[in-house]
Every structure is written in C-alpha cells, then in structure tokens.
Amino acid sequence: YGAGNTGRDVLELLRREGTQVPFFLDARATPGMHNGGIPVYPPEQAPATVRRAEVPLIVTVFNRDADVAAIAAGLRAQDWRTVTAFSEFHARHAGPLRGAG
C-alpha cells in the first residue's frame, strides 16, 4: 500500500529478491495509473480475483502526516489479513533499502 517513492523503492527491492508484485494499492490512485509498470488501484477496487486473505501488503507510506496504524486497520477491515508496516519491513531489509524513505 502506497505507490509513492518508498513504494517504488520497496518494489525494486522485492523484484531484486525475485518477488512478483502484481499491483499497488493507494488511496489516491486514479484510473489507468501505473507505477514501475504495475497497476495502482484504490484499496476498495483491487481486482476481484485477488484473495485478499492470501496477499501480503506492505504499508509503504512514509509521511509524517499519515496515520499508518489507521491505514493498516482500514486495510484489515477490508479483509487484507497480512499487513506489514514499512518500519517492520525496513528492519528486515535495512541494508538494501538504505536511503529509502
């Protein structure tokens, strides 16, 4: 979740690790929006074929005005079950993400 600069950095790292990222979710997504060649959807408009309970999300919002806990809670309320904050992801990938955010 979050298709900004930090989301792009995370996308690049996941690609280097061989992880496929099928789409971004972002509350500010507009029709036809892409980031790094990947479609960006508002959370409530994710593809219907996606099994939300099986898709892990990383909240890559790195903005002092954003309430990451509220974003994560909202995503969980929409049946996204595995939601990881950027801070947790960063702690596991600090070296490769140096300078991200």
Protein backbone atom coordinates (compact mmCIF):
# COMPACT_ATOMS: atom_id res chain seq x y z
CA TYR A 1 0.00 0.00 0.00
CA GLY A 2 1.45 3.32 -1.10
CA ALA A 3 2.66 3.96 -4.64
CA GLY A 4 4.99 6.85 -3.84
CA ASN A 5 8.77 6.96 -3.63
CA THR A 6 9.07 4.48 -0.76
CA GLY A 7 6.68 2.11 -2.51
CA ARG A 8 8.88 2.29 -5.61
CA ASP A 9 11.98 1.54 -3.52
CA VAL A 10 10.27 -1.48 -1.94
CA LEU A 11 9.11 -2.64 -5.39
CA GLU A 12 12.70 -2.53 -6.69
CA LEU A 13 13.98 -4.49 -3.69
CA LEU A 14 11.25 -7.13 -3.99
CA ARG A 15 11.97 -7.51 -7.69
CA ARG A 16 15.69 -8.00 -6.97
CA GLU A 17 14.71 -10.72 -4.50
CA GLY A 18 12.57 -12.41 -7.14
CA THR A 19 9.21 -11.48 -5.64
CA GLN A 20 6.43 -10.66 -8.08
CA VAL A 21 4.34 -7.64 -7.18
CA PRO A 22 1.03 -7.80 -9.06
CA PHE A 23 -0.28 -4.34 -8.11
CA PHE A 24 -0.06 -1.37 -5.77
CA LEU A 25 -2.89 -0.12 -3.61
CA ASP A 26 -3.09 3.61 -2.98
CA ALA A 27 -5.98 5.76 -1.77
CA ARG A 28 -5.00 8.39 -4.34
CA ALA A 29 -4.95 6.03 -7.32
CA THR A 30 -6.60 7.25 -10.49
CA PRO A 31 -7.98 5.14 -13.36
CA GLY A 32 -5.19 3.71 -15.51
CA MET A 33 -2.46 4.66 -13.03
CA HIS A 34 0.75 2.60 -13.08
CA ASN A 35 3.98 2.67 -11.09
CA GLY A 36 7.00 0.78 -12.33
CA GLY A 37 4.79 -0.87 -14.94
CA ILE A 38 2.40 -2.17 -12.28
CA PRO A 39 -1.24 -1.09 -11.97
CA VAL A 40 -2.26 1.02 -8.99
CA TYR A 41 -5.76 0.64 -7.50
CA PRO A 42 -7.64 2.22 -4.63
CA PRO A 43 -7.92 -0.48 -1.92
CA GLU A 44 -11.63 -0.97 -2.44
CA GLN A 45 -11.10 -1.51 -6.19
CA ALA A 46 -8.46 -4.24 -6.08
CA PRO A 47 -9.03 -6.90 -8.74
CA ALA A 48 -11.93 -9.19 -7.83
CA THR A 49 -9.77 -12.27 -8.50
CA VAL A 50 -7.43 -11.38 -5.62
CA ARG A 51 -7.81 -13.48 -2.50
CA ARG A 52 -7.26 -10.69 -0.01
CA ALA A 53 -6.62 -13.02 2.90
CA GLU A 54 -3.69 -14.57 0.98
CA VAL A 55 -1.98 -11.44 -0.36
CA PRO A 56 0.55 -9.80 1.96
CA LEU A 57 0.60 -5.99 1.97
CA ILE A 58 3.40 -3.66 2.99
CA VAL A 59 2.27 -0.19 4.04
CA THR A 60 4.98 1.93 2.44
CA VAL A 61 3.53 5.26 3.45
CA PHE A 62 6.40 7.32 4.82
CA ASN A 63 4.69 10.59 5.60
CA ARG A 64 4.65 12.35 8.97
CA ASP A 65 1.01 13.32 8.45
CA ALA A 66 -0.17 9.77 7.71
CA ASP A 67 -1.58 7.55 10.43
CA VAL A 68 -0.03 4.23 9.42
CA ALA A 69 -1.85 2.31 12.17
CA ALA A 70 -5.19 3.65 10.91
CA ILE A 71 -4.28 2.77 7.31
CA ALA A 72 -3.35 -0.78 8.37
CA ALA A 73 -6.55 -1.13 10.40
CA GLY A 74 -8.61 0.06 7.43
CA LEU A 75 -6.93 -2.47 5.15
CA ARG A 76 -7.55 -5.28 7.63
CA ALA A 77 -11.20 -4.20 7.83
CA GLN A 78 -11.34 -4.79 4.05
CA ASP A 79 -10.16 -8.40 4.59
CA TRP A 80 -6.47 -7.86 3.85
CA ARG A 81 -5.06 -10.15 6.54
CA THR A 82 -1.28 -9.77 6.34
CA VAL A 83 -0.44 -6.08 6.63
CA THR A 84 3.13 -5.08 7.47
CA ALA A 85 4.22 -1.56 8.35
CA PHE A 86 7.17 -0.13 6.44
CA SER A 87 9.13 0.14 9.71
CA GLU A 88 8.90 -3.65 10.18
CA PHE A 89 9.85 -4.31 6.55
CA HIS A 90 12.73 -1.85 6.78
CA ALA A 91 14.09 -3.52 9.92
CA ARG A 92 14.45 -6.76 7.92
CA HIS A 93 15.88 -5.09 4.80
CA ALA A 94 17.77 -2.06 6.14
CA GLY A 95 20.93 -2.64 4.09
CA PRO A 96 19.27 -2.93 0.66
CA LEU A 97 16.86 -0.07 1.46
CA ARG A 98 19.50 2.36 2.70
CA GLY A 99 18.30 5.81 1.72
CA ALA A 100 14.70 4.74 1.17
CA GLY A 101 12.03 6.91 2.69
